[in-house]
């Protein structure tokens, strides 16, 4: 029985060594992959207006295997062939809208690495949709207030009529 227990223990120890070796190999491999990143760095957004913004980035540590960048936002994708480009101007954006642009590095072997950022365009107070919505809301509020005033006046008139009618129906006792 002791011999069986020792064999089982040895098999676990071997398994632990194998797992440890696998772990060390995975860590070594992942650190090599992390060192050779082709994703753009320091992705940022500048010059944000109601309808435009400029996306800027720093070049990756290595650009030799990059064939192009692809900038995607909403449903649009723009291909940028110059791998030394570090900015792109987005135009025709909607005001007060959140965007999530991504810059993707496309490598020679068609693999990709991506960096993304979120920003919101500025609010346009002169936007006619906002003015129309405010006008509709103001009109509805005015109608509500006027209807409440009319209801109150009608109630007051009815109450006054009831007061005038009630004494006429009462019998007055004479002595």
N, C-alpha and C. Protein backbone atom coordinates (compact mmCIF):
# COMPACT_ATOMS: atom_id res chain seq x y z
N UNK A 1 0.82 -1.18 0.00
CA UNK A 1 0.00 0.00 0.00
C UNK A 1 0.87 1.25 0.00
N UNK A 2 1.90 1.25 0.77
CA UNK A 2 2.82 2.37 0.83
C UNK A 2 3.49 2.57 -0.54
N UNK A 3 3.82 1.44 -1.20
CA UNK A 3 4.43 1.51 -2.51
C UNK A 3 3.47 2.17 -3.51
N UNK A 4 2.19 1.83 -3.48
CA UNK A 4 1.20 2.44 -4.36
C UNK A 4 1.06 3.94 -4.09
N UNK A 5 1.09 4.27 -2.84
CA UNK A 5 0.99 5.68 -2.46
C UNK A 5 2.19 6.47 -2.98
N UNK A 6 3.40 5.88 -2.89
CA UNK A 6 4.60 6.55 -3.40
C UNK A 6 4.54 6.70 -4.92
N UNK A 7 4.05 5.70 -5.64
CA UNK A 7 3.93 5.80 -7.09
C UNK A 7 2.95 6.90 -7.48
N UNK A 8 1.84 6.98 -6.77
CA UNK A 8 0.85 8.03 -7.04
C UNK A 8 1.45 9.40 -6.78
N UNK A 9 2.17 9.51 -5.68
CA UNK A 9 2.81 10.78 -5.32
C UNK A 9 3.84 11.18 -6.38
N UNK A 10 4.63 10.21 -6.87
CA UNK A 10 5.62 10.51 -7.91
C UNK A 10 4.95 10.96 -9.20
N UNK A 11 3.83 10.35 -9.54
CA UNK A 11 3.13 10.76 -10.77
C UNK A 11 2.61 12.19 -10.63
N UNK A 12 2.15 12.56 -9.43
CA UNK A 12 1.70 13.94 -9.21
C UNK A 12 2.88 14.91 -9.31
N UNK A 13 4.01 14.53 -8.78
CA UNK A 13 5.18 15.39 -8.82
C UNK A 13 5.62 15.59 -10.27
N UNK A 14 5.59 14.52 -11.06
CA UNK A 14 5.93 14.65 -12.48
C UNK A 14 4.93 15.57 -13.18
N UNK A 15 3.66 15.39 -12.85
CA UNK A 15 2.63 16.22 -13.46
C UNK A 15 2.84 17.69 -13.09
N UNK A 16 3.22 17.94 -11.85
CA UNK A 16 3.50 19.31 -11.42
C UNK A 16 4.66 19.90 -12.20
N UNK A 17 5.70 19.08 -12.44
CA UNK A 17 6.84 19.56 -13.22
C UNK A 17 6.43 19.88 -14.65
N UNK A 18 5.60 19.02 -15.21
CA UNK A 18 5.14 19.26 -16.58
C UNK A 18 4.31 20.54 -16.64
N UNK A 19 3.42 20.71 -15.68
CA UNK A 19 2.59 21.91 -15.65
C UNK A 19 3.45 23.16 -15.44
N UNK A 20 4.44 23.06 -14.58
CA UNK A 20 5.34 24.17 -14.33
C UNK A 20 6.11 24.52 -15.61
N UNK A 21 6.58 23.51 -16.31
CA UNK A 21 7.30 23.73 -17.56
C UNK A 21 6.39 24.40 -18.59
N UNK A 22 5.15 23.92 -18.70
CA UNK A 22 4.19 24.53 -19.62
C UNK A 22 3.94 25.99 -19.26
N UNK A 23 3.79 26.26 -17.97
CA UNK A 23 3.55 27.62 -17.51
C UNK A 23 4.72 28.54 -17.87
N UNK A 24 5.94 28.08 -17.61
CA UNK A 24 7.12 28.89 -17.91
C UNK A 24 7.23 29.13 -19.41
N UNK A 25 6.96 28.11 -20.21
CA UNK A 25 7.03 28.26 -21.66
C UNK A 25 5.98 29.25 -22.15
N UNK A 26 4.79 29.18 -21.62
CA UNK A 26 3.71 30.10 -22.02
C UNK A 26 4.06 31.53 -21.66
N UNK A 27 4.61 31.74 -20.47
CA UNK A 27 4.99 33.09 -20.05
C UNK A 27 6.10 33.61 -20.95
N UNK A 28 7.07 32.79 -21.26
CA UNK A 28 8.17 33.22 -22.13
C UNK A 28 7.65 33.58 -23.51
N UNK A 29 6.76 32.75 -24.06
CA UNK A 29 6.21 33.01 -25.39
C UNK A 29 5.38 34.29 -25.39
N UNK A 30 4.53 34.47 -24.37
CA UNK A 30 3.67 35.65 -24.34
C UNK A 30 4.49 36.92 -24.16
N UNK A 31 5.59 36.87 -23.45
CA UNK A 31 6.41 38.08 -23.30
C UNK A 31 7.09 38.42 -24.62
N UNK A 32 7.44 37.41 -25.43
CA UNK A 32 8.02 37.69 -26.73
C UNK A 32 6.99 38.33 -27.65
N UNK A 33 5.77 37.83 -27.59
CA UNK A 33 4.70 38.40 -28.41
C UNK A 33 4.42 39.83 -27.98
N UNK A 34 4.41 40.08 -26.67
CA UNK A 34 4.14 41.43 -26.17
C UNK A 34 5.24 42.40 -26.57
N UNK A 35 6.48 41.93 -26.66
CA UNK A 35 7.58 42.80 -27.05
C UNK A 35 7.48 43.19 -28.53
N UNK A 36 6.93 42.33 -29.35
CA UNK A 36 6.85 42.57 -30.79
C UNK A 36 5.48 43.09 -31.17
N UNK A 37 4.94 44.01 -30.42
CA UNK A 37 3.60 44.51 -30.72
C UNK A 37 3.63 45.47 -31.90
N UNK A 38 2.61 45.38 -32.71
CA UNK A 38 2.50 46.23 -33.88
C UNK A 38 1.31 47.19 -33.75
N UNK A 39 0.65 47.19 -32.61
CA UNK A 39 -0.48 48.10 -32.40
C UNK A 39 0.04 49.52 -32.21
N UNK A 40 -0.73 50.49 -32.72
CA UNK A 40 -0.33 51.88 -32.53
C UNK A 40 -0.40 52.21 -31.04
N UNK A 41 0.41 53.20 -30.63
CA UNK A 41 0.47 53.57 -29.21
C UNK A 41 -0.10 54.96 -29.02
N UNK A 42 -0.44 55.28 -27.78
CA UNK A 42 -0.88 56.63 -27.39
C UNK A 42 -2.02 57.17 -28.25
N UNK A 43 -3.00 56.33 -28.54
CA UNK A 43 -4.14 56.76 -29.35
C UNK A 43 -4.90 57.84 -28.59
N UNK A 44 -5.21 58.95 -29.28
CA UNK A 44 -5.87 60.07 -28.63
C UNK A 44 -6.75 60.80 -29.64
N UNK A 45 -7.63 61.68 -29.14
CA UNK A 45 -8.51 62.46 -29.99
C UNK A 45 -8.29 63.93 -29.66
N UNK A 46 -8.11 64.76 -30.69
CA UNK A 46 -7.92 66.20 -30.49
C UNK A 46 -8.87 66.97 -31.40
N UNK A 47 -8.94 68.26 -31.18
CA UNK A 47 -9.73 69.17 -32.02
C UNK A 47 -11.17 68.69 -32.21
N UNK A 48 -11.81 68.30 -31.11
CA UNK A 48 -13.19 67.81 -31.19
C UNK A 48 -14.14 69.00 -31.35
N UNK A 49 -14.97 68.95 -32.38
CA UNK A 49 -16.00 69.97 -32.61
C UNK A 49 -17.35 69.28 -32.63
N UNK A 50 -18.38 69.99 -33.12
CA UNK A 50 -19.70 69.39 -33.22
C UNK A 50 -19.80 68.40 -34.37
N UNK A 51 -18.89 68.51 -35.37
CA UNK A 51 -19.00 67.62 -36.53
C UNK A 51 -17.67 67.02 -36.99
N UNK A 52 -16.60 67.22 -36.21
CA UNK A 52 -15.31 66.66 -36.63
C UNK A 52 -14.41 66.41 -35.43
N UNK A 53 -13.36 65.64 -35.66
CA UNK A 53 -12.35 65.35 -34.64
C UNK A 53 -11.12 64.81 -35.36
N UNK A 54 -9.97 64.91 -34.71
CA UNK A 54 -8.74 64.39 -35.28
C UNK A 54 -8.22 63.27 -34.39
N UNK A 55 -7.99 62.10 -34.98
CA UNK A 55 -7.44 60.95 -34.26
C UNK A 55 -5.92 60.99 -34.44
N UNK A 56 -5.17 60.93 -33.34
CA UNK A 56 -3.71 60.93 -33.43
C UNK A 56 -3.16 59.71 -32.69
N UNK A 57 -1.98 59.26 -33.08
CA UNK A 57 -1.34 58.12 -32.43
C UNK A 57 0.16 58.19 -32.64
N UNK A 58 0.86 57.38 -31.87
CA UNK A 58 2.30 57.22 -32.05
C UNK A 58 2.54 55.92 -32.80
N UNK A 59 3.62 55.89 -33.55
CA UNK A 59 3.93 54.67 -34.30
C UNK A 59 4.26 53.52 -33.35
N UNK A 60 3.94 52.29 -33.77
CA UNK A 60 4.29 51.13 -32.95
C UNK A 60 5.81 50.98 -32.85
N UNK A 61 6.24 50.10 -31.95
CA UNK A 61 7.68 49.90 -31.78
C UNK A 61 8.33 49.38 -33.06
N UNK A 62 7.57 48.65 -33.86
CA UNK A 62 8.12 48.16 -35.12
C UNK A 62 7.08 48.35 -36.21
N UNK A 63 7.48 48.94 -37.33
CA UNK A 63 6.55 49.14 -38.44
C UNK A 63 6.93 48.33 -39.67
N UNK A 64 8.02 47.55 -39.58
CA UNK A 64 8.53 46.86 -40.76
C UNK A 64 7.57 45.83 -41.33
N UNK A 65 6.72 45.21 -40.52
CA UNK A 65 5.79 44.19 -41.01
C UNK A 65 4.38 44.73 -41.26
N UNK A 66 4.18 46.03 -41.05
CA UNK A 66 2.86 46.63 -41.23
C UNK A 66 2.68 47.03 -42.69
N UNK A 67 1.58 46.59 -43.30
CA UNK A 67 1.30 46.95 -44.69
C UNK A 67 0.40 48.18 -44.78
N UNK A 68 -0.49 48.37 -43.81
CA UNK A 68 -1.39 49.52 -43.81
C UNK A 68 -2.05 49.64 -42.44
N UNK A 69 -2.69 50.78 -42.23
CA UNK A 69 -3.55 50.97 -41.07
C UNK A 69 -4.98 51.04 -41.58
N UNK A 70 -5.91 50.61 -40.75
CA UNK A 70 -7.33 50.77 -41.06
C UNK A 70 -7.97 51.51 -39.90
N UNK A 71 -8.61 52.62 -40.21
CA UNK A 71 -9.31 53.39 -39.19
C UNK A 71 -10.79 53.12 -39.36
N UNK A 72 -11.41 52.57 -38.32
CA UNK A 72 -12.84 52.26 -38.41
C UNK A 72 -13.60 53.01 -37.33
N UNK A 73 -14.74 53.55 -37.71
CA UNK A 73 -15.65 54.21 -36.78
C UNK A 73 -17.04 54.11 -37.36
N UNK A 74 -18.00 53.85 -36.48
CA UNK A 74 -19.37 53.57 -36.91
C UNK A 74 -19.34 52.50 -37.99
N UNK A 75 -19.83 52.82 -39.17
CA UNK A 75 -19.86 51.82 -40.25
C UNK A 75 -18.77 52.07 -41.29
N UNK A 76 -17.98 53.11 -41.11
CA UNK A 76 -16.95 53.46 -42.10
C UNK A 76 -15.61 52.85 -41.72
N UNK A 77 -14.85 52.44 -42.74
CA UNK A 77 -13.48 51.98 -42.56
C UNK A 77 -12.62 52.67 -43.61
N UNK A 78 -11.55 53.32 -43.15
CA UNK A 78 -10.65 54.04 -44.04
C UNK A 78 -9.31 53.30 -44.04
N UNK A 79 -8.79 53.01 -45.22
CA UNK A 79 -7.48 52.36 -45.34
C UNK A 79 -6.42 53.44 -45.50
N UNK A 80 -5.37 53.35 -44.67
CA UNK A 80 -4.27 54.32 -44.71
C UNK A 80 -3.02 53.55 -45.11
N UNK A 81 -2.56 53.76 -46.34
CA UNK A 81 -1.44 52.99 -46.88
C UNK A 81 -0.10 53.44 -46.34
N UNK A 82 0.04 54.72 -46.01
CA UNK A 82 1.31 55.24 -45.50
C UNK A 82 1.47 54.82 -44.04
N UNK A 83 2.40 53.92 -43.79
CA UNK A 83 2.58 53.40 -42.43
C UNK A 83 3.30 54.37 -41.51
N UNK A 84 3.70 55.52 -42.01
CA UNK A 84 4.30 56.55 -41.16
C UNK A 84 3.28 57.61 -40.75
N UNK A 85 2.03 57.44 -41.17
CA UNK A 85 0.97 58.37 -40.80
C UNK A 85 0.67 58.24 -39.32
N UNK A 86 0.44 59.38 -38.66
CA UNK A 86 0.14 59.35 -37.22
C UNK A 86 -1.11 60.15 -36.87
N UNK A 87 -1.93 60.50 -37.87
CA UNK A 87 -3.18 61.19 -37.56
C UNK A 87 -4.15 61.05 -38.72
N UNK A 88 -5.42 61.28 -38.41
CA UNK A 88 -6.46 61.25 -39.43
C UNK A 88 -7.61 62.12 -38.96
N UNK A 89 -8.12 62.98 -39.84
CA UNK A 89 -9.23 63.87 -39.49
C UNK A 89 -10.56 63.21 -39.85
N UNK A 90 -11.44 63.10 -38.87
CA UNK A 90 -12.79 62.58 -39.09
C UNK A 90 -13.71 63.77 -39.31
N UNK A 91 -14.49 63.74 -40.37
CA UNK A 91 -15.43 64.83 -40.65
C UNK A 91 -16.82 64.26 -40.89
N UNK A 92 -17.82 65.14 -40.88
CA UNK A 92 -19.19 64.71 -41.13
C UNK A 92 -19.80 63.94 -39.97
N UNK A 93 -19.29 64.19 -38.76
CA UNK A 93 -19.81 63.49 -37.58
C UNK A 93 -21.08 64.16 -37.08
N UNK A 94 -21.89 63.43 -36.35
CA UNK A 94 -23.10 63.99 -35.74
C UNK A 94 -22.73 64.67 -34.42
N UNK A 95 -23.44 65.76 -34.10
CA UNK A 95 -23.14 66.45 -32.85
C UNK A 95 -23.65 65.64 -31.67
N UNK A 96 -22.98 65.79 -30.53
CA UNK A 96 -23.36 65.18 -29.25
C UNK A 96 -23.55 63.68 -29.41
N UNK A 97 -22.59 63.03 -30.09
CA UNK A 97 -22.67 61.60 -30.36
C UNK A 97 -21.37 60.93 -29.91
N UNK A 98 -21.50 59.75 -29.30
CA UNK A 98 -20.33 59.00 -28.85
C UNK A 98 -19.80 58.15 -30.00
N UNK A 99 -18.49 58.23 -30.20
CA UNK A 99 -17.82 57.44 -31.24
C UNK A 99 -16.75 56.57 -30.59
N UNK A 100 -16.47 55.43 -31.21
CA UNK A 100 -15.45 54.50 -30.72
C UNK A 100 -14.53 54.11 -31.88
N UNK A 101 -13.66 55.04 -32.32
CA UNK A 101 -12.79 54.72 -33.45
C UNK A 101 -11.67 53.76 -33.05
N UNK A 102 -11.29 52.91 -33.98
CA UNK A 102 -10.20 51.95 -33.77
C UNK A 102 -9.20 52.08 -34.91
N UNK A 103 -7.93 52.08 -34.56
CA UNK A 103 -6.86 52.06 -35.56
C UNK A 103 -6.27 50.66 -35.54
N UNK A 104 -6.35 49.98 -36.68
CA UNK A 104 -5.89 48.60 -36.79
C UNK A 104 -4.63 48.56 -37.65
N UNK A 105 -3.60 47.93 -37.14
CA UNK A 105 -2.38 47.69 -37.91
C UNK A 105 -2.55 46.35 -38.64
N UNK A 106 -2.45 46.37 -39.96
CA UNK A 106 -2.56 45.15 -40.76
C UNK A 106 -1.14 44.71 -41.13
N UNK A 107 -0.80 43.48 -40.76
CA UNK A 107 0.56 42.98 -40.98
C UNK A 107 0.66 42.22 -42.30
N UNK A 108 1.89 41.90 -42.70
CA UNK A 108 2.16 41.20 -43.95
C UNK A 108 1.40 39.88 -44.03
N UNK A 109 1.30 39.16 -42.91
CA UNK A 109 0.62 37.86 -42.91
C UNK A 109 -0.89 37.99 -42.66
N UNK A 110 -1.43 39.21 -42.84
CA UNK A 110 -2.85 39.52 -42.68
C UNK A 110 -3.37 39.41 -41.25
N UNK A 111 -2.48 39.29 -40.27
CA UNK A 111 -2.92 39.39 -38.88
C UNK A 111 -3.07 40.87 -38.56
N UNK A 112 -3.79 41.16 -37.51
CA UNK A 112 -4.06 42.56 -37.15
C UNK A 112 -3.86 42.79 -35.67
N UNK A 113 -3.54 44.02 -35.33
CA UNK A 113 -3.50 44.47 -33.94
C UNK A 113 -4.21 45.80 -33.89
N UNK A 114 -5.02 45.99 -32.85
CA UNK A 114 -5.94 47.12 -32.84
C UNK A 114 -5.82 47.93 -31.55
N UNK A 115 -6.01 49.25 -31.68
CA UNK A 115 -6.12 50.15 -30.54
C UNK A 115 -7.38 50.98 -30.74
N UNK A 116 -8.15 51.16 -29.66
CA UNK A 116 -9.43 51.88 -29.76
C UNK A 116 -9.51 52.96 -28.69
N UNK A 117 -10.39 53.93 -28.92
CA UNK A 117 -10.61 55.02 -27.97
C UNK A 117 -12.07 55.46 -28.11
N UNK A 118 -12.62 56.07 -27.07
CA UNK A 118 -14.00 56.56 -27.09
C UNK A 118 -13.98 58.07 -26.90
N UNK A 119 -14.81 58.78 -27.67
CA UNK A 119 -14.96 60.23 -27.48
C UNK A 119 -16.37 60.63 -27.89
N UNK A 120 -16.78 61.83 -27.47
CA UNK A 120 -18.10 62.36 -27.80
C UNK A 120 -17.92 63.72 -28.46
N UNK A 121 -18.60 63.93 -29.58
CA UNK A 121 -18.54 65.22 -30.23
C UNK A 121 -19.28 66.25 -29.38
N UNK A 122 -18.98 67.53 -29.62
CA UNK A 122 -19.57 68.60 -28.81
C UNK A 122 -21.04 68.79 -29.17
N UNK A 123 -21.75 69.40 -28.22
CA UNK A 123 -23.18 69.68 -28.40
C UNK A 123 -23.35 70.94 -29.23
N UNK A 124 -24.30 70.94 -30.14
CA UNK A 124 -24.59 72.09 -30.98
C UNK A 124 -25.91 72.70 -30.55
N UNK A 125 -25.87 73.80 -29.77
CA UNK A 125 -27.13 74.39 -29.30
C UNK A 125 -27.96 74.98 -30.43
N UNK A 126 -27.35 75.28 -31.57
CA UNK A 126 -28.08 75.83 -32.70
C UNK A 126 -28.71 74.76 -33.57
N UNK A 127 -28.58 73.54 -33.17
CA UNK A 127 -29.14 72.44 -33.94
C UNK A 127 -30.66 72.55 -33.96
N UNK A 128 -31.26 72.52 -35.13
CA UNK A 128 -32.70 72.72 -35.23
C UNK A 128 -33.50 71.58 -34.60
N UNK A 129 -32.93 70.40 -34.50
CA UNK A 129 -33.65 69.32 -33.83
C UNK A 129 -33.83 69.65 -32.35
N UNK A 130 -32.79 70.17 -31.74
CA UNK A 130 -32.87 70.53 -30.33
C UNK A 130 -33.85 71.68 -30.13
N UNK A 131 -33.81 72.67 -31.04
CA UNK A 131 -34.75 73.78 -30.93
C UNK A 131 -36.19 73.31 -31.13
N UNK A 132 -36.41 72.42 -32.08
CA UNK A 132 -37.75 71.90 -32.32
C UNK A 132 -38.26 71.12 -31.12
N UNK A 133 -37.40 70.31 -30.52
CA UNK A 133 -37.81 69.54 -29.34
C UNK A 133 -38.14 70.47 -28.18
N UNK A 134 -37.34 71.52 -27.99
CA UNK A 134 -37.62 72.47 -26.91
C UNK A 134 -38.93 73.20 -27.19
N UNK A 135 -39.18 73.55 -28.44
CA UNK A 135 -40.44 74.22 -28.79
C UNK A 135 -41.65 73.34 -28.53
N UNK A 136 -41.56 72.09 -28.90
CA UNK A 136 -42.67 71.15 -28.67
C UNK A 136 -42.90 70.97 -27.17
N UNK A 137 -41.83 70.79 -26.42
CA UNK A 137 -41.97 70.61 -24.97
C UNK A 137 -42.58 71.86 -24.33
N UNK A 138 -42.15 73.05 -24.76
CA UNK A 138 -42.71 74.29 -24.22
C UNK A 138 -44.18 74.44 -24.56
N UNK A 139 -44.55 74.08 -25.79
CA UNK A 139 -45.96 74.17 -26.19
C UNK A 139 -46.82 73.22 -25.37
N UNK A 140 -46.35 72.02 -25.17
CA UNK A 140 -47.12 71.06 -24.36
C UNK A 140 -47.28 71.54 -22.92
N UNK A 141 -46.24 72.14 -22.38
CA UNK A 141 -46.31 72.67 -21.03
C UNK A 141 -47.32 73.82 -20.95
N UNK A 142 -47.34 74.69 -21.95
CA UNK A 142 -48.28 75.80 -21.99
C UNK A 142 -49.72 75.28 -22.07
N UNK A 143 -49.96 74.30 -22.92
CA UNK A 143 -51.29 73.71 -23.04
C UNK A 143 -51.73 73.09 -21.73
N UNK A 144 -50.84 72.41 -21.05
CA UNK A 144 -51.16 71.79 -19.76
C UNK A 144 -51.54 72.85 -18.73
N UNK A 145 -50.77 73.91 -18.65
CA UNK A 145 -51.05 74.97 -17.67
C UNK A 145 -52.37 75.66 -17.99
N UNK A 146 -52.63 75.97 -19.26
CA UNK A 146 -53.88 76.61 -19.64
C UNK A 146 -55.08 75.72 -19.34
N UNK A 147 -54.94 74.42 -19.60
CA UNK A 147 -56.07 73.52 -19.32
C UNK A 147 -56.33 73.43 -17.82
N UNK A 148 -55.29 73.49 -17.01
CA UNK A 148 -55.48 73.47 -15.56
C UNK A 148 -56.17 74.75 -15.10
N UNK A 149 -55.82 75.90 -15.68
CA UNK A 149 -56.47 77.16 -15.32
C UNK A 149 -57.93 77.14 -15.73
N UNK A 150 -58.22 76.65 -16.94
CA UNK A 150 -59.61 76.57 -17.41
C UNK A 150 -60.43 75.65 -16.53
N UNK A 151 -59.87 74.51 -16.14
CA UNK A 151 -60.59 73.59 -15.26
C UNK A 151 -60.91 74.24 -13.92
N UNK A 152 -59.96 74.97 -13.39
CA UNK A 152 -60.16 75.64 -12.10
C UNK A 152 -61.26 76.70 -12.21
N UNK A 153 -61.26 77.45 -13.32
CA UNK A 153 -62.30 78.48 -13.50
C UNK A 153 -63.68 77.84 -13.66
N UNK A 154 -63.74 76.74 -14.39
CA UNK A 154 -65.03 76.04 -14.58
C UNK A 154 -65.56 75.52 -13.25
N UNK A 155 -64.68 74.98 -12.44
CA UNK A 155 -65.08 74.50 -11.11
C UNK A 155 -65.60 75.64 -10.26
N UNK A 156 -64.95 76.78 -10.34
CA UNK A 156 -65.37 77.94 -9.55
C UNK A 156 -66.75 78.43 -10.01
N UNK A 157 -66.99 78.46 -11.32
CA UNK A 157 -68.30 78.88 -11.85
C UNK A 157 -69.39 77.92 -11.41
N UNK A 158 -69.11 76.62 -11.49
CA UNK A 158 -70.11 75.62 -11.08
C UNK A 158 -70.41 75.74 -9.59
N UNK A 159 -69.38 75.97 -8.80
CA UNK A 159 -69.59 76.13 -7.36
C UNK A 159 -70.42 77.37 -7.07
N UNK A 160 -70.19 78.45 -7.83
CA UNK A 160 -70.97 79.68 -7.62
C UNK A 160 -72.42 79.47 -8.02
N UNK A 161 -72.68 78.74 -9.09
CA UNK A 161 -74.05 78.46 -9.51
C UNK A 161 -74.77 77.63 -8.46
N UNK A 162 -74.07 76.65 -7.90
CA UNK A 162 -74.68 75.82 -6.87
C UNK A 162 -75.06 76.66 -5.65
N UNK A 163 -74.23 77.61 -5.33
CA UNK A 163 -74.51 78.47 -4.18
C UNK A 163 -75.73 79.35 -4.44
N UNK A 164 -75.90 79.86 -5.64
CA UNK A 164 -77.06 80.70 -5.97
C UNK A 164 -78.34 79.88 -6.01
N UNK A 165 -78.27 78.69 -6.52
CA UNK A 165 -79.46 77.84 -6.64
C UNK A 165 -79.88 77.30 -5.29
N UNK A 166 -78.98 76.95 -4.46
CA UNK A 166 -79.31 76.31 -3.19
C UNK A 166 -80.17 77.19 -2.30
N UNK A 167 -79.94 78.48 -2.09
CA UNK A 167 -80.80 79.28 -1.22
C UNK A 167 -82.20 79.46 -1.80
N UNK A 168 -82.36 79.46 -3.09
CA UNK A 168 -83.68 79.63 -3.68
C UNK A 168 -84.54 78.42 -3.42
N UNK A 169 -83.99 77.26 -3.28
CA UNK A 169 -84.77 76.06 -3.05
C UNK A 169 -85.15 75.88 -1.58
N UNK A 170 -84.47 76.57 -0.73
CA UNK A 170 -84.78 76.45 0.69
C UNK A 170 -86.05 77.22 1.01
N UNK A 171 -86.87 76.66 1.90
CA UNK A 171 -88.09 77.34 2.34
C UNK A 171 -87.74 78.25 3.50
N UNK A 172 -88.23 79.41 3.39
CA UNK A 172 -87.97 80.38 4.46
C UNK A 172 -89.16 80.37 5.40
N UNK A 173 -88.91 80.19 6.66
CA UNK A 173 -89.98 80.18 7.67
C UNK A 173 -90.37 81.63 8.01
N UNK A 174 -91.61 81.89 7.98
CA UNK A 174 -92.08 83.22 8.37
C UNK A 174 -92.81 83.12 9.70
N UNK A 175 -92.73 84.07 10.49
CA UNK A 175 -93.37 84.05 11.80
C UNK A 175 -94.61 84.86 11.81
